[in-house]
PDB file of N, CA and C in Angstrom:
ATOM      1  N   MET A   1      11.239 -40.999 -31.345  1.00  0.00           N
ATOM      2  CA  MET A   1      10.119 -41.025 -29.813  1.00  0.00           C
ATOM      3  C   MET A   1      10.218 -40.900 -29.405  1.00  0.00           C
ATOM      4  N   VAL A   2      11.665 -40.952 -28.107  1.00  0.00           N
ATOM      5  CA  VAL A   2      11.771 -39.978 -27.650  1.00  0.00           C
ATOM      6  C   VAL A   2      12.222 -39.093 -27.419  1.00  0.00           C
ATOM      7  N   ASN A   3      12.504 -38.444 -27.825  1.00  0.00           N
ATOM      8  CA  ASN A   3      12.479 -36.801 -28.232  1.00  0.00           C
ATOM      9  C   ASN A   3      11.316 -36.443 -27.936  1.00  0.00           C
ATOM     10  N   LEU A   4      10.007 -36.691 -28.829  1.00  0.00           N
ATOM     11  CA  LEU A   4       8.388 -36.568 -28.131  1.00  0.00           C
ATOM     12  C   LEU A   4       7.985 -36.393 -27.019  1.00  0.00           C
ATOM     13  N   LEU A   5       8.457 -37.476 -26.851  1.00  0.00           N
ATOM     14  CA  LEU A   5       8.026 -38.112 -25.164  1.00  0.00           C
ATOM     15  C   LEU A   5       8.670 -37.139 -24.323  1.00  0.00           C
ATOM     16  N   ASP A   6      10.553 -36.725 -24.842  1.00  0.00           N
ATOM     17  CA  ASP A   6      10.525 -35.648 -23.561  1.00  0.00           C
ATOM     18  C   ASP A   6      10.112 -34.238 -23.637  1.00  0.00           C
ATOM     19  N   ARG A   7       9.933 -34.246 -24.614  1.00  0.00           N
ATOM     20  CA  ARG A   7       9.097 -32.250 -24.770  1.00  0.00           C
ATOM     21  C   ARG A   7       7.757 -32.513 -24.350  1.00  0.00           C
ATOM     22  N   LEU A   8       6.628 -33.531 -24.224  1.00  0.00           N
ATOM     23  CA  LEU A   8       5.384 -33.705 -23.268  1.00  0.00           C
ATOM     24  C   LEU A   8       5.631 -33.697 -22.112  1.00  0.00           C
ATOM     25  N   ALA A   9       6.766 -34.371 -21.548  1.00  0.00           N
ATOM     26  CA  ALA A   9       7.313 -33.619 -20.139  1.00  0.00           C
ATOM     27  C   ALA A   9       7.312 -32.373 -19.915  1.00  0.00           C
ATOM     28  N   ILE A  10       8.481 -32.073 -21.151  1.00  0.00           N
ATOM     29  CA  ILE A  10       8.501 -30.079 -20.408  1.00  0.00           C
ATOM     30  C   ILE A  10       7.540 -29.638 -20.239  1.00  0.00           C
ATOM     31  N   THR A  11       6.436 -29.622 -21.093  1.00  0.00           N
ATOM     32  CA  THR A  11       5.596 -29.128 -21.348  1.00  0.00           C
ATOM     33  C   THR A  11       4.548 -29.306 -20.583  1.00  0.00           C
ATOM     34  N   ARG A  12       4.413 -30.687 -19.787  1.00  0.00           N
ATOM     35  CA  ARG A  12       3.012 -30.766 -18.782  1.00  0.00           C
ATOM     36  C   ARG A  12       3.596 -30.596 -18.010  1.00  0.00           C
ATOM     37  N   GLY A  13       5.213 -30.675 -17.528  1.00  0.00           N
ATOM     38  CA  GLY A  13       6.243 -29.894 -16.080  1.00  0.00           C
ATOM     39  C   GLY A  13       5.418 -28.094 -16.078  1.00  0.00           C
ATOM     40  N   LEU A  14       5.894 -27.051 -17.104  1.00  0.00           N
ATOM     41  CA  LEU A  14       5.758 -26.035 -17.041  1.00  0.00           C
ATOM     42  C   LEU A  14       4.712 -25.864 -17.280  1.00  0.00           C
ATOM     43  N   ARG A  15       3.403 -25.904 -18.018  1.00  0.00           N
ATOM     44  CA  ARG A  15       2.101 -26.332 -17.541  1.00  0.00           C
ATOM     45  C   ARG A  15       2.434 -26.292 -16.099  1.00  0.00           C
ATOM     46  N   MET A  16       1.958 -27.400 -15.479  1.00  0.00           N
ATOM     47  CA  MET A  16       1.628 -27.703 -14.008  1.00  0.00           C
ATOM     48  C   MET A  16       2.604 -26.576 -13.329  1.00  0.00           C
ATOM     49  N   ARG A  17       3.641 -26.130 -13.191  1.00  0.00           N
ATOM     50  CA  ARG A  17       4.142 -25.154 -12.669  1.00  0.00           C
ATOM     51  C   ARG A  17       3.228 -24.102 -13.080  1.00  0.00           C
ATOM     52  N   PHE A  18       3.499 -23.127 -13.505  1.00  0.00           N
ATOM     53  CA  PHE A  18       2.079 -22.155 -14.578  1.00  0.00           C
ATOM     54  C   PHE A  18       1.018 -22.552 -13.982  1.00  0.00           C
ATOM     55  N   ALA A  19      -0.395 -22.998 -13.287  1.00  0.00           N
ATOM     56  CA  ALA A  19      -1.031 -23.178 -13.551  1.00  0.00           C
ATOM     57  C   ALA A  19      -1.028 -22.677 -11.362  1.00  0.00           C
ATOM     58  N   PHE A  20       0.115 -23.434 -11.003  1.00  0.00           N
ATOM     59  CA  PHE A  20      -0.135 -23.396  -9.537  1.00  0.00           C
ATOM     60  C   PHE A  20       0.839 -22.166  -9.070  1.00  0.00           C
ATOM     61  N   ALA A  21       1.315 -20.858 -10.116  1.00  0.00           N
ATOM     62  CA  ALA A  21       1.666 -20.304 -10.042  1.00  0.00           C
ATOM     63  C   ALA A  21       1.009 -19.309  -9.583  1.00  0.00           C
ATOM     64  N   MET A  22      -0.065 -19.391 -10.509  1.00  0.00           N
ATOM     65  CA  MET A  22      -1.616 -18.018 -10.966  1.00  0.00           C
ATOM     66  C   MET A  22      -2.119 -18.189  -9.550  1.00  0.00           C
ATOM     67  N   ALA A  23      -2.357 -20.394  -9.435  1.00  0.00           N
ATOM     68  CA  ALA A  23      -3.227 -20.692  -7.885  1.00  0.00           C
ATOM     69  C   ALA A  23      -2.995 -20.020  -7.024  1.00  0.00           C
ATOM     70  N   CYS A  24      -1.420 -19.505  -6.533  1.00  0.00           N
ATOM     71  CA  CYS A  24      -0.770 -19.165  -5.616  1.00  0.00           C
ATOM     72  C   CYS A  24      -0.884 -17.485  -5.989  1.00  0.00           C
ATOM     73  N   LEU A  25      -1.009 -16.896  -6.437  1.00  0.00           N
ATOM     74  CA  LEU A  25      -0.927 -16.003  -6.809  1.00  0.00           C
ATOM     75  C   LEU A  25      -2.622 -15.323  -6.582  1.00  0.00           C
ATOM     76  N   THR A  26      -4.105 -15.664  -6.510  1.00  0.00           N
ATOM     77  CA  THR A  26      -4.666 -15.771  -7.020  1.00  0.00           C
ATOM     78  C   THR A  26      -5.099 -15.800  -5.713  1.00  0.00           C
ATOM     79  N   LEU A  27      -5.257 -17.220  -4.690  1.00  0.00           N
ATOM     80  CA  LEU A  27      -5.210 -16.877  -3.272  1.00  0.00           C
ATOM     81  C   LEU A  27      -4.491 -16.173  -2.088  1.00  0.00           C
ATOM     82  N   THR A  28      -3.246 -15.995  -2.600  1.00  0.00           N
ATOM     83  CA  THR A  28      -2.635 -14.033  -2.158  1.00  0.00           C
ATOM     84  C   THR A  28      -3.205 -13.647  -2.287  1.00  0.00           C
ATOM     85  N   SER A  29      -3.702 -13.629  -3.520  1.00  0.00           N
ATOM     86  CA  SER A  29      -4.350 -11.841  -3.373  1.00  0.00           C
ATOM     87  C   SER A  29      -5.411 -11.614  -2.795  1.00  0.00           C
ATOM     88  N   ILE A  30      -6.606 -12.705  -2.681  1.00  0.00           N
ATOM     89  CA  ILE A  30      -7.476 -13.047  -1.732  1.00  0.00           C
ATOM     90  C   ILE A  30      -7.329 -13.121  -0.241  1.00  0.00           C
ATOM     91  N   ALA A  31      -6.340 -13.374   0.139  1.00  0.00           N
ATOM     92  CA  ALA A  31      -6.251 -14.004   0.982  1.00  0.00           C
ATOM     93  C   ALA A  31      -6.032 -12.264   1.744  1.00  0.00           C
ATOM     94  N   GLN A  32      -5.331 -11.404   1.230  1.00  0.00           N
ATOM     95  CA  GLN A  32      -4.530 -10.067   1.409  1.00  0.00           C
ATOM     96  C   GLN A  32      -5.856  -8.906   1.496  1.00  0.00           C
ATOM     97  N   ALA A  33      -7.469  -9.252   0.491  1.00  0.00           N
ATOM     98  CA  ALA A  33      -7.877  -8.940   0.888  1.00  0.00           C
ATOM     99  C   ALA A  33      -9.308  -9.096   1.125  1.00  0.00           C
ATOM    100  N   GLN A  34      -9.325  -9.871   1.893  1.00  0.00           N
ATOM    101  CA  GLN A  34     -10.808 -10.343   2.137  1.00  0.00           C
ATOM    102  C   GLN A  34     -10.824  -9.873   3.729  1.00  0.00           C
ATOM    103  N   GLY A  35     -11.827  -8.837   3.910  1.00  0.00           N
ATOM    104  CA  GLY A  35     -11.705  -8.780   5.167  1.00  0.00           C
ATOM    105  C   GLY A  35     -11.024  -7.204   5.395  1.00  0.00           C
ATOM    106  N   LEU A  36     -10.752  -6.450   3.758  1.00  0.00           N
ATOM    107  CA  LEU A  36     -10.576  -5.110   4.219  1.00  0.00           C
ATOM    108  C   LEU A  36     -11.181  -4.093   3.775  1.00  0.00           C
ATOM    109  N   SER A  37     -10.112  -3.517   2.967  1.00  0.00           N
ATOM    110  CA  SER A  37     -11.351  -1.960   3.084  1.00  0.00           C
ATOM    111  C   SER A  37     -11.701  -2.582   1.363  1.00  0.00           C
ATOM    112  N   ALA A  38     -12.786  -2.083   0.529  1.00  0.00           N
ATOM    113  CA  ALA A  38     -13.237  -1.627  -0.283  1.00  0.00           C
ATOM    114  C   ALA A  38     -11.783  -1.482  -1.405  1.00  0.00           C
ATOM    115  N   GLN A  39     -10.907  -0.153  -1.281  1.00  0.00           N
ATOM    116  CA  GLN A  39      -9.866  -0.589  -2.266  1.00  0.00           C
ATOM    117  C   GLN A  39      -9.099  -1.573  -1.575  1.00  0.00           C
ATOM    118  N   ALA A  40      -8.605  -1.923  -1.276  1.00  0.00           N
ATOM    119  CA  ALA A  40      -7.628  -3.390  -0.965  1.00  0.00           C
ATOM    120  C   ALA A  40      -8.778  -4.271  -2.005  1.00  0.00           C
ATOM    121  N   SER A  41      -9.621  -3.842  -1.883  1.00  0.00           N
ATOM    122  CA  SER A  41     -10.092  -5.194  -2.908  1.00  0.00           C
ATOM    123  C   SER A  41      -9.726  -5.429  -4.000  1.00  0.00           C
ATOM    124  N   ALA A  42     -10.270  -3.559  -4.600  1.00  0.00           N
ATOM    125  CA  ALA A  42     -10.331  -3.107  -5.991  1.00  0.00           C
ATOM    126  C   ALA A  42      -8.653  -3.382  -6.477  1.00  0.00           C
ATOM    127  N   GLN A  43      -7.642  -3.115  -5.593  1.00  0.00           N
ATOM    128  CA  GLN A  43      -6.393  -3.209  -5.637  1.00  0.00           C
ATOM    129  C   GLN A  43      -6.127  -4.736  -5.898  1.00  0.00           C
ATOM    130  N   SER A  44      -6.622  -5.517  -5.206  1.00  0.00           N
ATOM    131  CA  SER A  44      -6.376  -7.105  -6.062  1.00  0.00           C
ATOM    132  C   SER A  44      -7.113  -7.739  -7.280  1.00  0.00           C
ATOM    133  N   SER A  45      -8.120  -6.930  -7.247  1.00  0.00           N
ATOM    134  CA  SER A  45      -8.579  -6.850  -8.841  1.00  0.00           C
ATOM    135  C   SER A  45      -7.730  -6.696  -9.714  1.00  0.00           C
ATOM    136  N   ALA A  46      -7.214  -5.520  -9.465  1.00  0.00           N
ATOM    137  CA  ALA A  46      -6.398  -4.745 -10.361  1.00  0.00           C
ATOM    138  C   ALA A  46      -4.668  -5.023 -10.040  1.00  0.00           C
ATOM    139  N   GLN A  47      -4.160  -6.037  -9.702  1.00  0.00           N
ATOM    140  CA  GLN A  47      -3.212  -6.924  -9.596  1.00  0.00           C
ATOM    141  C   GLN A  47      -3.727  -8.107  -9.872  1.00  0.00           C
ATOM    142  N   CYS A  48      -4.490  -9.058 -10.067  1.00  0.00           N
ATOM    143  CA  CYS A  48      -4.904 -10.275 -10.577  1.00  0.00           C
ATOM    144  C   CYS A  48      -5.241 -10.089 -12.131  1.00  0.00           C
ATOM    145  N   GLY A  49      -5.857  -8.515 -12.658  1.00  0.00           N
ATOM    146  CA  GLY A  49      -6.986  -8.614 -14.029  1.00  0.00           C
ATOM    147  C   GLY A  49      -7.492  -8.977 -13.993  1.00  0.00           C
ATOM    148  N   ARG A  50      -8.758  -9.281 -12.546  1.00  0.00           N
ATOM    149  CA  ARG A  50      -9.340  -9.673 -12.740  1.00  0.00           C
ATOM    150  C   ARG A  50     -10.573  -9.429 -11.408  1.00  0.00           C
ATOM    151  N   MET A  51     -11.845  -9.299 -12.022  1.00  0.00           N
ATOM    152  CA  MET A  51     -12.569  -8.608 -11.085  1.00  0.00           C
ATOM    153  C   MET A  51     -13.290 -10.118  -9.905  1.00  0.00           C
ATOM    154  N   ALA A  52     -13.232  -9.758  -8.603  1.00  0.00           N
ATOM    155  CA  ALA A  52     -14.200 -11.440  -7.774  1.00  0.00           C
ATOM    156  C   ALA A  52     -14.445 -10.672  -6.758  1.00  0.00           C
ATOM    157  N   HIS A  53     -15.322 -11.191  -6.486  1.00  0.00           N
ATOM    158  CA  HIS A  53     -16.261 -10.715  -5.149  1.00  0.00           C
ATOM    159  C   HIS A  53     -14.820 -11.649  -3.595  1.00  0.00           C
ATOM    160  N   ARG A  54     -14.546 -10.870  -2.871  1.00  0.00           N
ATOM    161  CA  ARG A  54     -14.339 -10.909  -2.121  1.00  0.00           C
ATOM    162  C   ARG A  54     -14.891 -11.629  -0.479  1.00  0.00           C
ATOM    163  N   GLY A  55     -15.935 -10.491  -0.275  1.00  0.00           N
ATOM    164  CA  GLY A  55     -16.814 -10.313   1.169  1.00  0.00           C
ATOM    165  C   GLY A  55     -16.318 -10.010   2.062  1.00  0.00           C
ATOM    166  N   GLY A  56     -15.654 -10.803   3.428  1.00  0.00           N
ATOM    167  CA  GLY A  56     -15.434 -10.329   4.231  1.00  0.00           C
ATOM    168  C   GLY A  56     -16.587 -10.446   5.429  1.00  0.00           C
ATOM    169  N   SER A  57     -16.629  -9.614   5.426  1.00  0.00           N
ATOM    170  CA  SER A  57     -17.668  -9.031   6.712  1.00  0.00           C
ATOM    171  C   SER A  57     -18.843  -8.311   6.397  1.00  0.00           C
ATOM    172  N   TYR A  58     -18.977  -8.055   4.990  1.00  0.00           N
ATOM    173  CA  TYR A  58     -19.970  -7.361   4.451  1.00  0.00           C
ATOM    174  C   TYR A  58     -20.898  -8.567   3.057  1.00  0.00           C
ATOM    175  N   ARG A  59     -21.960  -7.674   3.830  1.00  0.00           N
ATOM    176  CA  ARG A  59     -23.161  -8.361   3.219  1.00  0.00           C
ATOM    177  C   ARG A  59     -24.089  -8.270   2.019  1.00  0.00           C
ATOM    178  N   TYR A  60     -23.173  -7.636   1.175  1.00  0.00           N
ATOM    179  CA  TYR A  60     -23.701  -6.529   0.126  1.00  0.00           C
ATOM    180  C   TYR A  60     -22.351  -6.231  -1.051  1.00  0.00           C
ATOM    181  N   GLU A  61     -21.736  -6.594  -1.774  1.00  0.00           N
ATOM    182  CA  GLU A  61     -20.466  -6.309  -2.454  1.00  0.00           C
ATOM    183  C   GLU A  61     -21.070  -5.998  -4.036  1.00  0.00           C
ATOM    184  N   GLY A  62     -20.296  -5.305  -4.469  1.00  0.00           N
ATOM    185  CA  GLY A  62     -20.644  -5.024  -5.585  1.00  0.00           C
ATOM    186  C   GLY A  62     -19.216  -4.673  -6.693  1.00  0.00           C
ATOM    187  N   VAL A  63     -18.455  -5.198  -7.198  1.00  0.00           N
ATOM    188  CA  VAL A  63     -17.454  -5.669  -8.494  1.00  0.00           C
ATOM    189  C   VAL A  63     -17.785  -4.868  -9.657  1.00  0.00           C
ATOM    190  N   GLY A  64     -17.140  -3.972  -9.920  1.00  0.00           N
ATOM    191  CA  GLY A  64     -16.751  -3.594 -11.597  1.00  0.00           C
ATOM    192  C   GLY A  64     -15.309  -3.272 -12.487  1.00  0.00           C
ATOM    193  N   PHE A  65     -15.764  -3.172 -13.619  1.00  0.00           N
ATOM    194  CA  PHE A  65     -14.180  -2.893 -14.500  1.00  0.00           C
ATOM    195  C   PHE A  65     -15.214  -1.959 -16.245  1.00  0.00           C
ATOM    196  N   SER A  66     -14.208  -0.678 -15.971  1.00  0.00           N
ATOM    197  CA  SER A  66     -13.998  -0.486 -17.280  1.00  0.00           C
ATOM    198  C   SER A  66     -13.121   0.432 -17.325  1.00  0.00           C
ATOM    199  N   ALA A  67     -13.343   0.233 -18.826  1.00  0.00           N
ATOM    200  CA  ALA A  67     -11.978   0.972 -19.942  1.00  0.00           C
ATOM    201  C   ALA A  67     -11.838   1.609 -20.274  1.00  0.00           C
ATOM    202  N   VAL A  68     -12.536   2.517 -19.373  1.00  0.00           N
ATOM    203  CA  VAL A  68     -12.790   4.020 -20.496  1.00  0.00           C
ATOM    204  C   VAL A  68     -12.765   5.542 -18.863  1.00  0.00           C
ATOM    205  N   SER A  69     -12.713   4.709 -17.928  1.00  0.00           N
ATOM    206  CA  SER A  69     -12.794   5.487 -16.671  1.00  0.00           C
ATOM    207  C   SER A  69     -13.439   4.792 -15.040  1.00  0.00           C
ATOM    208  N   ALA A  70     -13.009   5.881 -14.009  1.00  0.00           N
ATOM    209  CA  ALA A  70     -12.752   4.657 -12.947  1.00  0.00           C
ATOM    210  C   ALA A  70     -14.610   4.687 -12.379  1.00  0.00           C
ATOM    211  N   GLN A  71     -15.181   6.618 -13.085  1.00  0.00           N
ATOM    212  CA  GLN A  71     -16.355   6.843 -12.483  1.00  0.00           C
ATOM    213  C   GLN A  71     -17.278   5.315 -13.392  1.00  0.00           C
ATOM    214  N   GLN A  72     -16.626   5.347 -15.059  1.00  0.00           N
ATOM    215  CA  GLN A  72     -17.761   4.291 -15.018  1.00  0.00           C
ATOM    216  C   GLN A  72     -17.643   2.772 -14.577  1.00  0.00           C
ATOM    217  N   ALA A  73     -16.413   2.207 -13.873  1.00  0.00           N
ATOM    218  CA  ALA A  73     -16.348   0.886 -12.972  1.00  0.00           C
ATOM    219  C   ALA A  73     -17.318   1.451 -12.002  1.00  0.00           C
ATOM    220  N   ILE A  74     -17.212   2.209 -11.476  1.00  0.00           N
ATOM    221  CA  ILE A  74     -17.465   2.107 -10.162  1.00  0.00           C
ATOM    222  C   ILE A  74     -19.722   2.206 -10.692  1.00  0.00           C
ATOM    223  N   ARG A  75     -19.693   2.458 -11.806  1.00  0.00           N
ATOM    224  CA  ARG A  75     -21.147   2.735 -11.915  1.00  0.00           C
ATOM    225  C   ARG A  75     -21.336   1.053 -13.000  1.00  0.00           C
ATOM    226  N   ASN A  76     -20.730   0.625 -13.238  1.00  0.00           N
ATOM    227  CA  ASN A  76     -21.022  -0.424 -13.107  1.00  0.00           C
ATOM    228  C   ASN A  76     -20.845  -2.098 -12.157  1.00  0.00           C
ATOM    229  N   CYS A  77     -21.125  -1.357 -10.913  1.00  0.00           N
ATOM    230  CA  CYS A  77     -20.598  -2.674 -10.314  1.00  0.00           C
ATOM    231  C   CYS A  77     -22.010  -2.760  -9.935  1.00  0.00           C
ATOM    232  N   CYS A  78     -22.032  -4.466  -8.971  1.00  0.00           N
ATOM    233  CA  CYS A  78     -23.591  -5.146  -8.795  1.00  0.00           C
ATOM    234  C   CYS A  78     -24.330  -3.942  -8.134  1.00  0.00           C
ATOM    235  N   TYR A  79     -25.684  -4.133  -7.564  1.00  0.00           N
ATOM    236  CA  TYR A  79     -26.604  -3.484  -6.886  1.00  0.00           C
ATOM    237  C   TYR A  79     -25.986  -1.940  -6.798  1.00  0.00           C
ATOM    238  N   TYR A  80     -25.034  -1.494  -7.821  1.00  0.00           N
ATOM    239  CA  TYR A  80     -25.445   0.296  -8.148  1.00  0.00           C
ATOM    240  C   TYR A  80     -26.600   1.054  -8.072  1.00  0.00           C
ATOM    241  N   GLY A  81     -26.528   1.912  -7.146  1.00  0.00           N
ATOM    242  CA  GLY A  81     -28.601   2.422  -8.033  1.00  0.00           C
ATOM    243  C   GLY A  81     -29.734   1.874  -6.964  1.00  0.00           C
ATOM    244  N   GLN A  82     -29.262   1.059  -6.482  1.00  0.00           N
ATOM    245  CA  GLN A  82     -29.838   0.288  -5.639  1.00  0.00           C
ATOM    246  C   GLN A  82     -29.999   0.020  -4.026  1.00  0.00           C
ATOM    247  N   ARG A  83     -29.109  -0.023  -3.972  1.00  0.00           N
ATOM    248  CA  ARG A  83     -28.369   0.444  -2.350  1.00  0.00           C
ATOM    249  C   ARG A  83     -27.704   1.393  -1.588  1.00  0.00           C
ATOM    250  N   THR A  84     -27.177   1.556  -0.913  1.00  0.00           N
ATOM    251  CA  THR A  84     -26.608   2.937  -0.108  1.00  0.00           C
ATOM    252  C   THR A  84     -24.690   2.741   0.317  1.00  0.00           C
ATOM    253  N   PRO A  85     -24.170   2.927  -0.613  1.00  0.00           N
ATOM    254  CA  PRO A  85     -22.664   2.430  -0.539  1.00  0.00           C
ATOM    255  C   PRO A  85     -22.444   2.925   0.271  1.00  0.00           C
ATOM    256  N   ILE A  86     -21.587   2.209   1.263  1.00  0.00           N
ATOM    257  CA  ILE A  86     -21.394   2.178   2.517  1.00  0.00           C
ATOM    258  C   ILE A  86     -18.969   2.888   2.414  1.00  0.00           C
ATOM    259  N   SER A  87     -18.560   2.239   1.410  1.00  0.00           N
ATOM    260  CA  SER A  87     -17.495   1.984   1.317  1.00  0.00           C
ATOM    261  C   SER A  87     -17.317   1.584  -0.381  1.00  0.00           C
ATOM    262  N   ILE A  88     -16.022   2.367  -1.126  1.00  0.00           N
ATOM    263  CA  ILE A  88     -15.719   2.712  -2.609  1.00  0.00           C
ATOM    264  C   ILE A  88     -14.427   2.310  -2.818  1.00  0.00           C
ATOM    265  N   GLY A  89     -13.857   1.269  -3.130  1.00  0.00           N
ATOM    266  CA  GLY A  89     -12.287   1.712  -4.110  1.00  0.00           C
ATOM    267  C   GLY A  89     -12.336   1.818  -5.422  1.00  0.00           C
ATOM    268  N   VAL A  90     -11.291   2.093  -6.068  1.00  0.00           N
ATOM    269  CA  VAL A  90     -10.711   2.559  -7.608  1.00  0.00           C
ATOM    270  C   VAL A  90      -9.313   1.884  -7.473  1.00  0.00           C
ATOM    271  N   SER A  91      -9.358   0.987  -8.334  1.00  0.00           N
ATOM    272  CA  SER A  91      -8.031   0.749  -8.688  1.00  0.00           C
ATOM    273  C   SER A  91      -7.595   0.219 -10.381  1.00  0.00           C
ATOM    274  N   ARG A  92      -5.849   0.895 -10.634  1.00  0.00           N
ATOM    275  CA  ARG A  92      -6.506   1.157 -12.251  1.00  0.00           C
ATOM    276  C   ARG A  92      -5.383   0.088 -12.564  1.00  0.00           C
ATOM    277  N   GLY A  93      -5.834  -1.088 -12.957  1.00  0.00           N
ATOM    278  CA  GLY A  93      -4.766  -2.090 -14.103  1.00  0.00           C
ATOM    279  C   GLY A  93      -4.367  -1.508 -15.017  1.00  0.00           C
ATOM    280  N   ARG A  94      -3.504  -2.799 -15.171  1.00  0.00           N
ATOM    281  CA  ARG A  94      -3.045  -2.474 -16.564  1.00  0.00           C
ATOM    282  C   ARG A  94      -3.894  -2.563 -18.050  1.00  0.00           C
ATOM    283  N   ASN A  95      -5.136  -2.961 -17.329  1.00  0.00           N
ATOM    284  CA  ASN A  95      -5.969  -2.957 -19.350  1.00  0.00           C
ATOM    285  C   ASN A  95      -7.564  -2.203 -18.494  1.00  0.00           C
ATOM    286  N   GLY A  96      -7.297  -1.274 -17.266  1.00  0.00           N
ATOM    287  CA  GLY A  96      -8.640  -0.990 -17.333  1.00  0.00           C
ATOM    288  C   GLY A  96      -9.064   0.070 -16.017  1.00  0.00           C
ATOM    289  N   TRP A  97     -10.047  -0.239 -15.516  1.00  0.00           N
ATOM    290  CA  TRP A  97     -10.487   0.086 -13.864  1.00  0.00           C
ATOM    291  C   TRP A  97     -11.221  -0.086 -13.114  1.00  0.00           C
ATOM    292  N   TYR A  98     -11.079   0.011 -11.976  1.00  0.00           N
ATOM    293  CA  TYR A  98     -11.485  -1.619 -11.447  1.00  0.00           C
ATOM    294  C   TYR A  98     -11.455  -1.414 -10.198  1.00  0.00           C
ATOM    295  N   ALA A  99     -13.334  -1.370  -9.750  1.00  0.00           N
ATOM    296  CA  ALA A  99     -13.863  -1.121  -8.629  1.00  0.00           C
ATOM    297  C   ALA A  99     -15.027  -2.409  -7.378  1.00  0.00           C
ATOM    298  N   CYS A 100     -15.013  -1.725  -6.459  1.00  0.00           N
ATOM    299  CA  CYS A 100     -15.676  -2.251  -5.388  1.00  0.00           C
ATOM    300  C   CYS A 100     -16.185  -1.557  -4.346  1.00  0.00           C
ATOM    301  N   VAL A 101     -17.923  -2.051  -4.583  1.00  0.00           N
ATOM    302  CA  VAL A 101     -18.733  -0.593  -3.238  1.00  0.00           C
ATOM    303  C   VAL A 101     -19.415  -1.705  -2.508  1.00  0.00           C
ATOM    304  N   ARG A 102     -18.541  -1.304  -1.637  1.00  0.00           N
ATOM    305  CA  ARG A 102     -20.127  -2.727  -0.326  1.00  0.00           C
ATOM    306  C   ARG A 102     -21.262  -1.504  -0.136  1.00  0.00           C
ATOM    307  N   TYR A 103     -21.907  -2.215   0.494  1.00  0.00           N
ATOM    308  CA  TYR A 103     -23.376  -1.222   0.700  1.00  0.00           C
ATOM    309  C   TYR A 103     -23.285  -2.016   2.131  1.00  0.00           C
ATOM    310  N   ARG A 104     -24.816  -0.910   2.713  1.00  0.00           N
ATOM    311  CA  ARG A 104     -25.814  -0.515   3.765  1.00  0.00           C
ATOM    312  C   ARG A 104     -26.427  -2.562   3.487  1.00  0.00           C
TER     313      ARG A 104
END
């Protein structure tokens, strides 16, 4: 019985540390990219391995992903083809291309 309780405590502790580390990594990446260029936002998404709208002082921002090509990632961004882009950033992550497009 004690052995099982010890295992549960260790497992819970590891889960909590992992969750805390992931939250810190995400918050750090978002803080670094917020208000910076579209390229910095795309690099942050690639490092984290997931797309995220980071906003900042831009009214319209689109994010996209593609496992095929950088151009496809840009075309997959929100508002693409509907608004005029003012800044485009693309970065390669471990599982594909991440893009961020900021619009006028």
